[in-house]
Amino acid sequence: MRPSAGMRALAAAACFFTIPTGVFGADVLSTNSFTTCLDNSAIEVNKLDVSYNKNTRKLIFDVAGESKSEQNVTARLVVTAYGKQVYEKEFSPCEQGMTEMCPVPAAKFSSSGEQTVPEEFAKQIPAIAFSVPDLDGLVKMYLTRDADNTQLACVESTVGNGKSLEMPAVKYVAAGIAAGSLALTGLSALSAAGTPGAAAPSPTFGEVFGWFQSMALSGMMSVKYPTVYQSFSSNFGFSTGLVSWDSMQKTIDNFRGATGGNLTENNYDYLKNATLVFASGANSSEAGSLKRRAIEGAFLFLRDGTEVSVDGETSTVGGDGSSSDDTAEPESKNQKFVKDIQGYVEQLRIPAPNTFMTLLLSFAIVVAAIIVLILLFKLILEAWSMMKPLPHSMESWRKRYWWRLAKAITNLIMLLYGIWVLYCIYQFTNGDSWAAKTLAGVTLGLFTAILGWFTFQIWSKAREAKKQLGDASNLYEDKEVWVRYSLFYDNYKKSYWWIFIPVIVYMFVRACVIAGAQSNGLVQTAGQLIVEALMLCLLLWTRPFSLKSSNIINCVIQTVRVLSVICILVFVEELGISSTTKTVTGVVLIVVQSVLTGVLAILIAVNALIFCIKKNPHRQRRKEAEKEKELARDFDNLTPLDARNSLLMEPMSQKGTAYKAPIVSDSPFGATRDQKGHYDPVPPRPESPGGDSYYGRSLSRPTEHYRDHSADALVHSAADMGYRDQSSDRQPRLPDVYGYGQAK
C-alpha cells in the first residue's frame, strides 16, 4: 500500500518531539478539536476526529462536512512543529483513489475509516511523542477549486497525546503546601501569645502564597508561551482567587446578563464546550492570521478502507465496496481564540468577564469563614471562662476578639491587594457589566483606603516614638501597638519597620504593568523586569527581616522571580527567538519554579518538626522575665539595715512568727536556741557599752569584750545592761553608775 501524504507529514513532525519527560501514558495521538480558518467558505467541515495508536499502528478518522456545490478540489496539507513548517503537500482526492469524493458532491458528506500505518513510518515516530505532556499539534488543510484555484475551505486541528501538566494532583499538592504554611504560621503566632517583637519562622504563609501568585502571574503575560508552561502555570490560579465552580459561574453569568453584560460567547456553558487556541500575544486579532503555539502535529488523510457517506448513502473505498443507508450525524466543538489574561482565566473554565466577580465572591467566602471561626472561638472562650479562669493570653484574646477579626481581614486584603488591582484594571479596560465595574471601583478604593489608614497610623506611632525614645522600637515593645499593627512589620527588624510600604507599592505597580500593557508583550515584560529587579535590590541592600533564614529565603524567591521574567522575555514575539528555544526555555522555567516550590515545602516540614520538638522560645523568654520580676520583688521586701534584724538573720526569717518572749527570760527559746540561733529582736541602745558575740556583734558595743550566751548569764546581767564583770561567780546587784559603764 502506498503511504499517504498524511503519513509522511506525521513522520516529519515526529522528528521534532525531542524534549525529555517523565510523564507516561497511553500511546495514542489524537485530534483535540478543529476550527475553520476561512470566513464564508464554500465547504464547511462539521466534524474532524483522528487518532493513531502506536501499539496497533492503527489510524482511525472520522470527517464530516457540507459542500454548497459540486466541484473538483485540490487539498494542501501544511504541518508545522515548534512553530516551524516541517511539511507541505498538495494532493487530489482523485489521485488518492477516493472516487466518492471526486468531485466533492453538493451535499452533506462524511468519511470515516481505519488504516494500518506502514511499519517503516511508524518507527520514525519517537516514543517521546506519546509521553511528553501538552504535546500540542496542529495541521492546516486548504481546499482549492481546480478550475480557478479559488480557496474553498480551510480547516485546522490540534493534536495531542492526552497528557498535560494541568492536572488536579498538582493543584492539590500546591494547596497542601499553602495550607501547611498557614497552619505553621498560625501555630507560631499562638505560641508567641502576643509577645511583642516575636517573628514567625520562614517561609510564612504570606511568602508561600505570594510565590504561588507570582507563578500564576507569569502565565498571564502577552507572550507566546510554550503550551507546557501555559498548563503548568494554570495550576496556581487558585492563589489569585480563580476557583471554577459551576453554580458560582452561572450565578455570575446571570448577574452580568441582568446588568448589561454580553453573554453571547462569554458564558460558562459556551466555554465549557469550547476548545481554546492560544494566540501569539501581540496584535493578533483575526483567526486566519493567528499563529499557533508549541509543536505542530499531523493530520492524516487516508484512502484505503475508508467509509464515505454522501447524503446518507455510505460506501467503502478500498474495501469490499459494500454500502448502507446510515446517515452521518456530524458533531462540532468550536475553538475559541484567546490570549493574555483572557487565555489564562478561560483555561480555568472561567469566562473572562467573570474574572473580577469570581475573585470578589471567593474573597467574600473566605471572609465569612474567618468571621464564623473567630466568633466560634470567642464562644468557646466564654464557656471556658465560666468554668475556670482563662490563661492570660486567652483572656487577652477574648477581650480583643473584634480587633483580631479586623486584623485577620486586613491581612487577607494585604495578601490579595496586588491581584485585586490587576483584576480591577482588567475589568475597567474590558467593560461588560456596569455593576461589575462599579463593584471593582468601590472595593479597590476601599482596600486602598484601609491600607493607607494603617500605614498612616504606623508612621504616626513611629514618629512619636522617635521623638520620645530616639527610635521606633516602641512599635515592637508596646504590646498594645504590637497587637494592633504588627501584621505589617512583625517579621522586619526594628530599623526597617517601614519596608512594608515599598512592598505595597511593588504589588500595585506590578499589577498595573501587567494589566495596563496587555497586547504588548515587550513593554509588559520589560516593565515587570524593572519592577522585580528593583525589589530584589531593595532586599539585598537592606536585608530587612529579623531572622537570617527569612532574609535568605526571601532573597532567593525574589531572585527566581527576576529569572522567571528574563525567561518570559524569550517568549516575546518581537524578539524573533525560535520556537525550539522557547520550548526549551519553558521547560527550564518549569524546573526552576518547581525546585523552589519543593524547597519551600521541605522548609515548611522542617520548621514544623522543629516546632514540635524544640522548646518554645517565646515561652522561655516569658518565664525568664517572670523570674526576674520575682527576684526584684524579693529585693524590694528587704527591711532596713539593723544590727539584729538584717545582719544576723535571713531576710524573711521573722516573717510569720507568732511567739514573743520577754527580754528577760530563763529560756526564751526553750532549753536551747532554735536551729538558726534566733532571738527576739531587741531595740538598739546607742549609749550602751558594746560586746562581742560569738554569732555576731552589735554596732554600738566594743568588740574586745566577751559575752556569755548561756541562759544564766543572760538573766544575771539583764539589769546591768552596762559593763559586765567577766567573773562567772559575780552575783546580781544594782550597779552604781556614775559614768558610762563606770561603777563607783
Foldseek 3Di string as FASTA:
>chain_A
DDADQQLVQQLQLLVPLPDDDDFADFQKKKWDAKAWLDPPFQKAWQDWIWMAHLVQQKIKIKTKIAGQAWAFKKKWKWWWFLLHTRDIDIDGCVVQQQVVVGPPHRFIKMKIFMDHRDPVSSVSRDSSQQGDAPNKAKMKMWIAGPVPRHTRTIMMTIMHNPHALQDVVLLVVLVVLLVLLAVQQVVQCVLLLLAFLRAGDPPHSLNSLVLLVLLLLLLQFQFQAARRSNSNNLSSCVSLLQDDDPVLQQVLVVVLVVQFFDVPCQGLVNLVQAAEFEFRGAPDDRSNPGRGHHTHRGDDDHQARMWMAGCQWIFGGNDPGDIDRHDDDGHHGYYDYDGGNQVSNSVNSHGLLCVLVSNVVSLVVVLVVLVVVLVVVLVVLVVVCVVDNDPPSVVVCNVCSVLVSVVVSLLVLLSNVLSLLLSLLLCVVVPRGPVSNVVSVVVNVVNVVVVVVLLVVLVVQQVVCCVVPVGSCCCRNVSVNCSRRVSQQSFFDRRPSVVSVVVSVLSNQLSCLSRVPGSQNQSSLVSNLVSLVVVLVVLVVCVTGPDPSVSVLVNVSSVLSNVSSVLVNLRHVVVPHRSVSSVVSSVVNVVVSVVSSVVSSVVSVVSVVCVVPPDSPSVVVVVVVVVVVVVVVVVVQADPDDQQQHPLDDRCPCPPDDDDADQQDLCRCPQDAPPSNDDHDDDDDQLAAWEDEPRGTHPRHDHPHHQDPHSVSSNQCVQVSHDDDPDPPDGRDDFCDDDRRDGD
